[in-house]
Amino acid sequence: MKLPREDRPSDWHFTTQTRLFEFFVSLHSAFESSFYGLYFAGSRLDRQRFTFADDPEKYQRVKVQSTTGAFQAAWPNEPLPKAMSDLRSDSFYDRLGKVRNRLAHRIAPGFEHRITLHADGITGGGSLTGGQQGEDYELAWQGEPLATMIPSTLTQAEEKLDVLWDAAAAFFASRQ
């Protein structure tokens, strides 16, 4: 993202957009896969509530909502179903899904290419006096620079998944 323009390969913009798509798809998948795995772990404790686990043709019905519902029905007063429900209604998780869908369907708003030209020696009239010239380039999407969006999104995702998996670890440890 900080490559000088002259050093960027010809497919740089395409590659950047592809990597952004992969990032959001993979990150959202980490959440969905977590719920999918928890569904099947829960089925080992209560086959009556986790009925999709017995029929491979119904595996695609295992979703965030069905997993949360099965845990809430089986163990309504436990912290794990609450953590699942909280995550499902969290604006961050909702945003992840929406961004993934926008990028997947190519209905995403365009990228912003922000270029700031600068020179060390500018006269009062705005002309260069022979000082060092350069440019700063920044790629932004949805109004946020990618250089800050990616790390902050990843940090938030890790925090949300930590809460979910800490609750899951405590839940399953209490059932051994």
N, C-alpha and C. Protein backbone atom coordinates (compact mmCIF):
# COMPACT_ATOMS: atom_id res chain seq x y z
N MET A 1 0.81 -1.19 0.00
CA MET A 1 0.00 0.00 0.00
C MET A 1 0.86 1.26 0.00
N LYS A 2 2.09 1.15 0.44
CA LYS A 2 2.97 2.31 0.49
C LYS A 2 4.01 2.29 -0.62
N LEU A 3 3.82 1.44 -1.63
CA LEU A 3 4.77 1.40 -2.74
C LEU A 3 4.72 2.69 -3.54
N PRO A 4 5.87 3.24 -3.87
CA PRO A 4 5.85 4.39 -4.77
C PRO A 4 5.21 3.99 -6.10
N ARG A 5 4.55 4.91 -6.71
CA ARG A 5 3.81 4.64 -7.95
C ARG A 5 4.69 3.94 -9.00
N GLU A 6 5.91 4.41 -9.15
CA GLU A 6 6.77 3.84 -10.19
C GLU A 6 7.21 2.41 -9.89
N ASP A 7 7.10 1.97 -8.63
CA ASP A 7 7.50 0.61 -8.26
C ASP A 7 6.34 -0.38 -8.25
N ARG A 8 5.14 0.09 -8.48
CA ARG A 8 3.97 -0.80 -8.44
C ARG A 8 3.85 -1.59 -9.74
N PRO A 9 3.59 -2.90 -9.63
CA PRO A 9 3.36 -3.68 -10.85
C PRO A 9 2.04 -3.24 -11.50
N SER A 10 1.87 -3.59 -12.75
CA SER A 10 0.69 -3.14 -13.49
C SER A 10 -0.62 -3.65 -12.89
N ASP A 11 -0.58 -4.79 -12.22
CA ASP A 11 -1.81 -5.34 -11.64
C ASP A 11 -1.97 -4.99 -10.16
N TRP A 12 -1.27 -3.98 -9.70
CA TRP A 12 -1.27 -3.62 -8.28
C TRP A 12 -2.67 -3.34 -7.74
N HIS A 13 -3.47 -2.53 -8.44
CA HIS A 13 -4.81 -2.19 -7.96
C HIS A 13 -5.71 -3.43 -7.91
N PHE A 14 -5.65 -4.25 -8.93
CA PHE A 14 -6.44 -5.48 -8.95
C PHE A 14 -6.04 -6.38 -7.79
N THR A 15 -4.75 -6.55 -7.59
CA THR A 15 -4.26 -7.40 -6.51
C THR A 15 -4.69 -6.86 -5.15
N THR A 16 -4.62 -5.56 -4.97
CA THR A 16 -5.03 -4.95 -3.70
C THR A 16 -6.50 -5.19 -3.44
N GLN A 17 -7.34 -5.00 -4.45
CA GLN A 17 -8.77 -5.23 -4.28
C GLN A 17 -9.07 -6.71 -4.04
N THR A 18 -8.34 -7.59 -4.70
CA THR A 18 -8.53 -9.03 -4.49
C THR A 18 -8.14 -9.41 -3.07
N ARG A 19 -7.05 -8.86 -2.59
CA ARG A 19 -6.60 -9.17 -1.21
C ARG A 19 -7.60 -8.64 -0.18
N LEU A 20 -8.19 -7.49 -0.43
CA LEU A 20 -9.20 -6.95 0.47
C LEU A 20 -10.42 -7.88 0.50
N PHE A 21 -10.84 -8.34 -0.65
CA PHE A 21 -11.94 -9.29 -0.73
C PHE A 21 -11.61 -10.57 0.05
N GLU A 22 -10.43 -11.12 -0.18
CA GLU A 22 -10.02 -12.33 0.52
C GLU A 22 -9.97 -12.12 2.03
N PHE A 23 -9.51 -10.97 2.46
CA PHE A 23 -9.43 -10.67 3.88
C PHE A 23 -10.81 -10.73 4.52
N PHE A 24 -11.79 -10.02 3.94
CA PHE A 24 -13.12 -9.98 4.54
C PHE A 24 -13.86 -11.31 4.42
N VAL A 25 -13.69 -12.01 3.33
CA VAL A 25 -14.33 -13.33 3.19
C VAL A 25 -13.76 -14.29 4.22
N SER A 26 -12.45 -14.32 4.36
CA SER A 26 -11.81 -15.23 5.31
C SER A 26 -12.16 -14.88 6.75
N LEU A 27 -12.19 -13.60 7.05
CA LEU A 27 -12.50 -13.18 8.41
C LEU A 27 -13.93 -13.54 8.78
N HIS A 28 -14.86 -13.28 7.88
CA HIS A 28 -16.25 -13.65 8.15
C HIS A 28 -16.39 -15.16 8.27
N SER A 29 -15.67 -15.88 7.45
CA SER A 29 -15.68 -17.34 7.50
C SER A 29 -15.17 -17.88 8.83
N ALA A 30 -14.22 -17.19 9.44
CA ALA A 30 -13.72 -17.62 10.75
C ALA A 30 -14.85 -17.63 11.78
N PHE A 31 -15.74 -16.64 11.71
CA PHE A 31 -16.88 -16.61 12.62
C PHE A 31 -17.87 -17.72 12.29
N GLU A 32 -18.21 -17.85 11.02
CA GLU A 32 -19.17 -18.88 10.62
C GLU A 32 -18.65 -20.28 10.94
N SER A 33 -17.37 -20.51 10.70
CA SER A 33 -16.76 -21.81 10.99
C SER A 33 -16.76 -22.10 12.49
N SER A 34 -16.59 -21.05 13.28
CA SER A 34 -16.62 -21.23 14.73
C SER A 34 -17.99 -21.74 15.17
N PHE A 35 -19.03 -21.12 14.66
CA PHE A 35 -20.38 -21.56 15.01
C PHE A 35 -20.66 -22.96 14.49
N TYR A 36 -20.19 -23.25 13.30
CA TYR A 36 -20.37 -24.57 12.71
C TYR A 36 -19.72 -25.64 13.60
N GLY A 37 -18.49 -25.39 14.01
CA GLY A 37 -17.80 -26.32 14.89
C GLY A 37 -18.47 -26.46 16.24
N LEU A 38 -18.95 -25.34 16.79
CA LEU A 38 -19.64 -25.40 18.08
C LEU A 38 -20.94 -26.20 17.98
N TYR A 39 -21.61 -26.11 16.85
CA TYR A 39 -22.84 -26.89 16.67
C TYR A 39 -22.55 -28.39 16.81
N PHE A 40 -21.52 -28.84 16.14
CA PHE A 40 -21.21 -30.27 16.18
C PHE A 40 -20.64 -30.68 17.54
N ALA A 41 -19.93 -29.80 18.21
CA ALA A 41 -19.48 -30.10 19.57
C ALA A 41 -20.69 -30.20 20.50
N GLY A 42 -21.65 -29.29 20.34
CA GLY A 42 -22.87 -29.33 21.14
C GLY A 42 -23.69 -30.57 20.89
N SER A 43 -23.63 -31.08 19.67
CA SER A 43 -24.41 -32.28 19.34
C SER A 43 -23.92 -33.50 20.10
N ARG A 44 -22.69 -33.47 20.55
CA ARG A 44 -22.16 -34.59 21.35
C ARG A 44 -22.77 -34.61 22.75
N LEU A 45 -23.31 -33.47 23.16
CA LEU A 45 -23.91 -33.38 24.50
C LEU A 45 -25.43 -33.48 24.48
N ASP A 46 -26.06 -33.09 23.38
CA ASP A 46 -27.53 -33.09 23.32
C ASP A 46 -27.99 -33.33 21.88
N ARG A 47 -28.17 -34.59 21.52
CA ARG A 47 -28.59 -34.96 20.16
C ARG A 47 -30.01 -34.49 19.85
N GLN A 48 -30.83 -34.30 20.87
CA GLN A 48 -32.22 -33.88 20.66
C GLN A 48 -32.31 -32.46 20.11
N ARG A 49 -31.44 -31.60 20.54
CA ARG A 49 -31.49 -30.18 20.14
C ARG A 49 -30.65 -29.88 18.90
N PHE A 50 -29.72 -30.74 18.61
CA PHE A 50 -28.78 -30.52 17.50
C PHE A 50 -29.03 -31.56 16.41
N THR A 51 -30.21 -31.51 15.84
CA THR A 51 -30.67 -32.57 14.93
C THR A 51 -29.97 -32.57 13.57
N PHE A 52 -29.44 -31.45 13.13
CA PHE A 52 -28.78 -31.41 11.82
C PHE A 52 -27.52 -32.27 11.81
N ALA A 53 -26.95 -32.52 12.98
CA ALA A 53 -25.69 -33.26 13.06
C ALA A 53 -25.84 -34.70 12.62
N ASP A 54 -27.06 -35.22 12.62
CA ASP A 54 -27.30 -36.62 12.26
C ASP A 54 -27.55 -36.83 10.78
N ASP A 55 -27.65 -35.77 10.00
CA ASP A 55 -28.01 -35.89 8.59
C ASP A 55 -27.09 -35.03 7.73
N PRO A 56 -26.12 -35.66 7.05
CA PRO A 56 -25.18 -34.88 6.23
C PRO A 56 -25.86 -33.98 5.20
N GLU A 57 -27.05 -34.34 4.75
CA GLU A 57 -27.75 -33.50 3.78
C GLU A 57 -28.26 -32.20 4.41
N LYS A 58 -28.27 -32.12 5.72
CA LYS A 58 -28.74 -30.92 6.42
C LYS A 58 -27.59 -30.09 6.98
N TYR A 59 -26.37 -30.49 6.73
CA TYR A 59 -25.23 -29.76 7.28
C TYR A 59 -25.23 -28.29 6.86
N GLN A 60 -25.71 -27.98 5.66
CA GLN A 60 -25.72 -26.59 5.21
C GLN A 60 -26.70 -25.75 6.02
N ARG A 61 -27.57 -26.38 6.80
CA ARG A 61 -28.50 -25.63 7.66
C ARG A 61 -27.85 -25.19 8.97
N VAL A 62 -26.65 -25.68 9.21
CA VAL A 62 -25.93 -25.27 10.41
C VAL A 62 -25.36 -23.88 10.14
N LYS A 63 -25.96 -22.91 10.79
CA LYS A 63 -25.60 -21.51 10.60
C LYS A 63 -25.42 -20.87 11.97
N VAL A 64 -25.05 -19.61 11.96
CA VAL A 64 -24.89 -18.87 13.21
C VAL A 64 -26.22 -18.88 13.98
N GLN A 65 -27.32 -18.64 13.29
CA GLN A 65 -28.63 -18.58 13.94
C GLN A 65 -29.06 -19.94 14.49
N SER A 66 -28.90 -21.00 13.71
CA SER A 66 -29.34 -22.32 14.19
C SER A 66 -28.48 -22.81 15.35
N THR A 67 -27.19 -22.49 15.31
CA THR A 67 -26.31 -22.88 16.42
C THR A 67 -26.67 -22.14 17.69
N THR A 68 -26.86 -20.83 17.56
CA THR A 68 -27.24 -20.04 18.73
C THR A 68 -28.56 -20.53 19.30
N GLY A 69 -29.54 -20.78 18.45
CA GLY A 69 -30.85 -21.26 18.89
C GLY A 69 -30.77 -22.60 19.59
N ALA A 70 -29.96 -23.52 19.05
CA ALA A 70 -29.83 -24.84 19.68
C ALA A 70 -29.19 -24.73 21.06
N PHE A 71 -28.16 -23.91 21.20
CA PHE A 71 -27.51 -23.74 22.50
C PHE A 71 -28.45 -23.04 23.49
N GLN A 72 -29.19 -22.05 23.02
CA GLN A 72 -30.12 -21.35 23.92
C GLN A 72 -31.23 -22.29 24.40
N ALA A 73 -31.69 -23.17 23.52
CA ALA A 73 -32.74 -24.11 23.91
C ALA A 73 -32.21 -25.16 24.89
N ALA A 74 -31.01 -25.64 24.66
CA ALA A 74 -30.44 -26.70 25.51
C ALA A 74 -29.89 -26.16 26.83
N TRP A 75 -29.25 -25.01 26.81
CA TRP A 75 -28.59 -24.47 28.00
C TRP A 75 -28.87 -22.97 28.10
N PRO A 76 -30.10 -22.58 28.38
CA PRO A 76 -30.49 -21.17 28.33
C PRO A 76 -29.78 -20.24 29.33
N ASN A 77 -29.30 -20.77 30.43
CA ASN A 77 -28.70 -19.92 31.46
C ASN A 77 -27.18 -19.95 31.48
N GLU A 78 -26.59 -20.50 30.46
CA GLU A 78 -25.13 -20.60 30.39
C GLU A 78 -24.52 -19.38 29.69
N PRO A 79 -23.28 -19.04 30.01
CA PRO A 79 -22.61 -17.91 29.35
C PRO A 79 -22.36 -18.12 27.85
N LEU A 80 -22.16 -19.37 27.40
CA LEU A 80 -21.87 -19.59 25.99
C LEU A 80 -23.02 -19.18 25.08
N PRO A 81 -24.27 -19.61 25.33
CA PRO A 81 -25.35 -19.13 24.45
C PRO A 81 -25.50 -17.61 24.47
N LYS A 82 -25.23 -17.01 25.63
CA LYS A 82 -25.29 -15.54 25.71
C LYS A 82 -24.19 -14.91 24.85
N ALA A 83 -22.98 -15.46 24.92
CA ALA A 83 -21.88 -14.95 24.11
C ALA A 83 -22.21 -15.09 22.62
N MET A 84 -22.84 -16.21 22.25
CA MET A 84 -23.23 -16.42 20.85
C MET A 84 -24.27 -15.38 20.43
N SER A 85 -25.26 -15.19 21.26
CA SER A 85 -26.33 -14.24 20.96
C SER A 85 -25.78 -12.81 20.87
N ASP A 86 -24.90 -12.47 21.81
CA ASP A 86 -24.29 -11.14 21.80
C ASP A 86 -23.49 -10.91 20.51
N LEU A 87 -22.75 -11.92 20.09
CA LEU A 87 -21.96 -11.80 18.87
C LEU A 87 -22.87 -11.66 17.65
N ARG A 88 -23.92 -12.47 17.63
CA ARG A 88 -24.85 -12.41 16.48
C ARG A 88 -25.46 -11.03 16.32
N SER A 89 -25.70 -10.34 17.42
CA SER A 89 -26.34 -9.02 17.35
C SER A 89 -25.32 -7.87 17.36
N ASP A 90 -24.05 -8.20 17.38
CA ASP A 90 -23.00 -7.19 17.44
C ASP A 90 -22.89 -6.46 16.09
N SER A 91 -22.78 -5.15 16.13
CA SER A 91 -22.69 -4.36 14.89
C SER A 91 -21.42 -4.68 14.10
N PHE A 92 -20.35 -5.06 14.79
CA PHE A 92 -19.12 -5.42 14.10
C PHE A 92 -19.35 -6.66 13.23
N TYR A 93 -19.96 -7.69 13.80
CA TYR A 93 -20.22 -8.93 13.04
C TYR A 93 -21.17 -8.64 11.88
N ASP A 94 -22.17 -7.82 12.12
CA ASP A 94 -23.10 -7.46 11.06
C ASP A 94 -22.36 -6.74 9.93
N ARG A 95 -21.48 -5.82 10.29
CA ARG A 95 -20.71 -5.07 9.29
C ARG A 95 -19.81 -6.00 8.48
N LEU A 96 -19.19 -6.97 9.16
CA LEU A 96 -18.34 -7.92 8.45
C LEU A 96 -19.11 -8.63 7.33
N GLY A 97 -20.31 -9.09 7.66
CA GLY A 97 -21.14 -9.76 6.67
C GLY A 97 -21.53 -8.86 5.52
N LYS A 98 -21.87 -7.63 5.84
CA LYS A 98 -22.27 -6.68 4.79
C LYS A 98 -21.10 -6.34 3.88
N VAL A 99 -19.94 -6.12 4.45
CA VAL A 99 -18.76 -5.80 3.65
C VAL A 99 -18.41 -6.99 2.76
N ARG A 100 -18.43 -8.18 3.33
CA ARG A 100 -18.15 -9.38 2.53
C ARG A 100 -19.11 -9.49 1.36
N ASN A 101 -20.39 -9.26 1.61
CA ASN A 101 -21.38 -9.34 0.54
C ASN A 101 -21.17 -8.27 -0.52
N ARG A 102 -20.85 -7.06 -0.10
CA ARG A 102 -20.59 -5.99 -1.08
C ARG A 102 -19.41 -6.34 -1.97
N LEU A 103 -18.36 -6.80 -1.35
CA LEU A 103 -17.17 -7.14 -2.13
C LEU A 103 -17.42 -8.36 -3.02
N ALA A 104 -18.15 -9.34 -2.52
CA ALA A 104 -18.43 -10.55 -3.30
C ALA A 104 -19.29 -10.26 -4.52
N HIS A 105 -20.19 -9.31 -4.38
CA HIS A 105 -21.10 -9.01 -5.48
C HIS A 105 -20.66 -7.79 -6.30
N ARG A 106 -19.47 -7.31 -5.98
CA ARG A 106 -18.88 -6.19 -6.71
C ARG A 106 -19.78 -4.97 -6.75
N ILE A 107 -20.54 -4.77 -5.67
CA ILE A 107 -21.35 -3.56 -5.58
C ILE A 107 -20.70 -2.56 -4.63
N ALA A 108 -19.43 -2.82 -4.36
CA ALA A 108 -18.71 -1.99 -3.41
C ALA A 108 -18.50 -0.59 -3.97
N PRO A 109 -18.55 0.39 -3.08
CA PRO A 109 -18.18 1.73 -3.53
C PRO A 109 -16.72 1.72 -3.96
N GLY A 110 -16.36 2.66 -4.78
CA GLY A 110 -15.01 2.69 -5.30
C GLY A 110 -13.95 2.99 -4.26
N PHE A 111 -12.76 2.64 -4.60
CA PHE A 111 -11.63 2.96 -3.76
C PHE A 111 -11.30 4.43 -3.94
N GLU A 112 -10.74 5.02 -2.92
CA GLU A 112 -10.26 6.39 -3.00
C GLU A 112 -8.74 6.33 -3.08
N HIS A 113 -8.20 7.01 -4.05
CA HIS A 113 -6.75 7.10 -4.19
C HIS A 113 -6.37 8.51 -3.77
N ARG A 114 -5.76 8.61 -2.61
CA ARG A 114 -5.41 9.92 -2.06
C ARG A 114 -3.92 10.17 -2.27
N ILE A 115 -3.63 11.18 -3.03
CA ILE A 115 -2.24 11.52 -3.30
C ILE A 115 -1.98 12.92 -2.78
N THR A 116 -0.96 13.05 -1.97
CA THR A 116 -0.56 14.35 -1.45
C THR A 116 0.82 14.66 -1.99
N LEU A 117 0.91 15.71 -2.76
CA LEU A 117 2.21 16.14 -3.27
C LEU A 117 2.83 17.09 -2.26
N HIS A 118 4.11 16.97 -2.09
CA HIS A 118 4.77 17.88 -1.15
C HIS A 118 6.18 18.21 -1.65
N ALA A 119 6.64 19.33 -1.18
CA ALA A 119 7.99 19.78 -1.49
C ALA A 119 8.53 20.52 -0.27
N ASP A 120 9.80 20.33 -0.02
CA ASP A 120 10.40 20.99 1.14
C ASP A 120 10.56 22.50 0.93
N GLY A 121 10.76 22.90 -0.30
CA GLY A 121 11.01 24.32 -0.55
C GLY A 121 9.92 24.93 -1.41
N ILE A 122 8.88 25.45 -0.82
CA ILE A 122 7.82 26.12 -1.57
C ILE A 122 7.88 27.60 -1.20
N THR A 123 7.88 28.45 -2.23
CA THR A 123 7.93 29.90 -1.98
C THR A 123 6.54 30.39 -1.56
N GLY A 124 6.46 31.58 -1.11
CA GLY A 124 5.19 32.17 -0.72
C GLY A 124 4.17 32.17 -1.83
N GLY A 125 4.62 32.23 -3.09
CA GLY A 125 3.71 32.21 -4.22
C GLY A 125 3.32 30.82 -4.67
N GLY A 126 3.83 29.81 -4.00
CA GLY A 126 3.48 28.44 -4.34
C GLY A 126 4.39 27.78 -5.34
N SER A 127 5.47 28.44 -5.76
CA SER A 127 6.37 27.79 -6.72
C SER A 127 7.50 27.09 -5.97
N LEU A 128 8.01 26.05 -6.60
CA LEU A 128 9.09 25.27 -5.98
C LEU A 128 10.41 26.03 -6.04
N THR A 129 11.21 25.89 -5.00
CA THR A 129 12.51 26.57 -4.97
C THR A 129 13.65 25.58 -5.09
N GLY A 130 13.38 24.41 -5.59
CA GLY A 130 14.46 23.44 -5.75
C GLY A 130 14.57 22.48 -4.59
N GLY A 131 13.65 22.53 -3.68
CA GLY A 131 13.68 21.60 -2.55
C GLY A 131 13.27 20.20 -2.97
N GLN A 132 13.28 19.31 -2.04
CA GLN A 132 12.93 17.92 -2.28
C GLN A 132 11.44 17.79 -2.59
N GLN A 133 11.09 17.08 -3.66
CA GLN A 133 9.70 16.86 -4.02
C GLN A 133 9.34 15.39 -3.75
N GLY A 134 8.07 15.15 -3.55
CA GLY A 134 7.63 13.78 -3.34
C GLY A 134 6.13 13.69 -3.30
N GLU A 135 5.66 12.48 -3.07
CA GLU A 135 4.22 12.28 -2.95
C GLU A 135 3.96 11.24 -1.88
N ASP A 136 2.85 11.39 -1.21
CA ASP A 136 2.37 10.38 -0.28
C ASP A 136 1.12 9.80 -0.91
N TYR A 137 1.06 8.50 -0.94
CA TYR A 137 -0.08 7.82 -1.56
C TYR A 137 -0.79 7.00 -0.49
N GLU A 138 -2.10 7.06 -0.52
CA GLU A 138 -2.89 6.30 0.45
C GLU A 138 -4.11 5.74 -0.29
N LEU A 139 -4.37 4.46 -0.07
CA LEU A 139 -5.55 3.83 -0.65
C LEU A 139 -6.59 3.68 0.46
N ALA A 140 -7.78 4.17 0.19
CA ALA A 140 -8.86 4.10 1.18
C ALA A 140 -10.06 3.40 0.56
N TRP A 141 -10.85 2.81 1.41
CA TRP A 141 -12.08 2.16 0.99
C TRP A 141 -13.15 2.46 2.02
N GLN A 142 -14.31 2.85 1.58
CA GLN A 142 -15.40 3.27 2.45
C GLN A 142 -14.95 4.39 3.39
N GLY A 143 -14.11 5.27 2.87
CA GLY A 143 -13.68 6.43 3.63
C GLY A 143 -12.58 6.19 4.64
N GLU A 144 -12.10 4.96 4.75
CA GLU A 144 -11.06 4.66 5.74
C GLU A 144 -9.81 4.14 5.04
N PRO A 145 -8.65 4.68 5.38
CA PRO A 145 -7.41 4.18 4.77
C PRO A 145 -7.21 2.69 5.08
N LEU A 146 -6.84 1.93 4.07
CA LEU A 146 -6.63 0.49 4.27
C LEU A 146 -5.53 0.23 5.31
N ALA A 147 -4.57 1.12 5.38
CA ALA A 147 -3.47 0.93 6.32
C ALA A 147 -3.94 0.91 7.77
N THR A 148 -5.08 1.54 8.05
CA THR A 148 -5.62 1.48 9.42
C THR A 148 -6.84 0.55 9.50
N MET A 149 -7.59 0.43 8.40
CA MET A 149 -8.79 -0.41 8.41
C MET A 149 -8.46 -1.88 8.66
N ILE A 150 -7.48 -2.40 7.96
CA ILE A 150 -7.15 -3.82 8.07
C ILE A 150 -6.72 -4.19 9.49
N PRO A 151 -5.73 -3.51 10.07
CA PRO A 151 -5.32 -3.89 11.43
C PRO A 151 -6.42 -3.70 12.47
N SER A 152 -7.21 -2.62 12.36
CA SER A 152 -8.25 -2.40 13.37
C SER A 152 -9.37 -3.44 13.24
N THR A 153 -9.71 -3.83 12.01
CA THR A 153 -10.73 -4.85 11.81
C THR A 153 -10.24 -6.19 12.34
N LEU A 154 -9.00 -6.52 12.08
CA LEU A 154 -8.44 -7.78 12.57
C LEU A 154 -8.39 -7.81 14.09
N THR A 155 -8.00 -6.72 14.70
CA THR A 155 -7.96 -6.64 16.16
C THR A 155 -9.34 -6.84 16.76
N GLN A 156 -10.34 -6.18 16.19
CA GLN A 156 -11.71 -6.33 16.69
C GLN A 156 -12.20 -7.76 16.52
N ALA A 157 -11.89 -8.36 15.39
CA ALA A 157 -12.32 -9.74 15.15
C ALA A 157 -11.69 -10.69 16.16
N GLU A 158 -10.40 -10.51 16.42
CA GLU A 158 -9.72 -11.35 17.40
C GLU A 158 -10.36 -11.21 18.78
N GLU A 159 -10.69 -9.98 19.15
CA GLU A 159 -11.33 -9.75 20.45
C GLU A 159 -12.68 -10.46 20.54
N LYS A 160 -13.49 -10.36 19.48
CA LYS A 160 -14.81 -10.98 19.47
C LYS A 160 -14.70 -12.50 19.50
N LEU A 161 -13.77 -13.06 18.72
CA LEU A 161 -13.58 -14.50 18.71
C LEU A 161 -13.02 -15.00 20.04
N ASP A 162 -12.15 -14.21 20.68
CA ASP A 162 -11.63 -14.59 21.99
C ASP A 162 -12.76 -14.74 23.01
N VAL A 163 -13.70 -13.82 23.01
CA VAL A 163 -14.84 -13.90 23.94
C VAL A 163 -15.63 -15.17 23.67
N LEU A 164 -15.92 -15.44 22.40
CA LEU A 164 -16.68 -16.63 22.04
C LEU A 164 -15.95 -17.90 22.46
N TRP A 165 -14.69 -18.00 22.11
CA TRP A 165 -13.95 -19.23 22.40
C TRP A 165 -13.61 -19.38 23.88
N ASP A 166 -13.44 -18.30 24.61
CA ASP A 166 -13.26 -18.41 26.06
C ASP A 166 -14.53 -18.97 26.71
N ALA A 167 -15.69 -18.48 26.26
CA ALA A 167 -16.97 -18.99 26.78
C ALA A 167 -17.15 -20.45 26.40
N ALA A 168 -16.75 -20.82 25.17
CA ALA A 168 -16.87 -22.21 24.73
C ALA A 168 -15.95 -23.12 25.52
N ALA A 169 -14.74 -22.66 25.75
CA ALA A 169 -13.78 -23.48 26.52
C ALA A 169 -14.29 -23.72 27.93
N ALA A 170 -14.80 -22.69 28.57
CA ALA A 170 -15.34 -22.84 29.93
C ALA A 170 -16.56 -23.76 29.91
N PHE A 171 -17.42 -23.61 28.93
CA PHE A 171 -18.63 -24.43 28.83
C PHE A 171 -18.28 -25.91 28.70
N PHE A 172 -17.43 -26.23 27.74
CA PHE A 172 -17.10 -27.64 27.51
C PHE A 172 -16.23 -28.22 28.62
N ALA A 173 -15.39 -27.41 29.24
CA ALA A 173 -14.59 -27.89 30.37
C ALA A 173 -15.48 -28.26 31.56
N SER A 174 -16.57 -27.55 31.73
CA SER A 174 -17.48 -27.83 32.85
C SER A 174 -18.32 -29.10 32.62
N ARG A 175 -18.23 -29.66 31.44
CA ARG A 175 -19.03 -30.85 31.12
C ARG A 175 -18.20 -32.10 31.01
N GLN A 176 -16.96 -32.06 31.42
CA GLN A 176 -16.12 -33.25 31.35
C GLN A 176 -16.27 -34.10 32.59
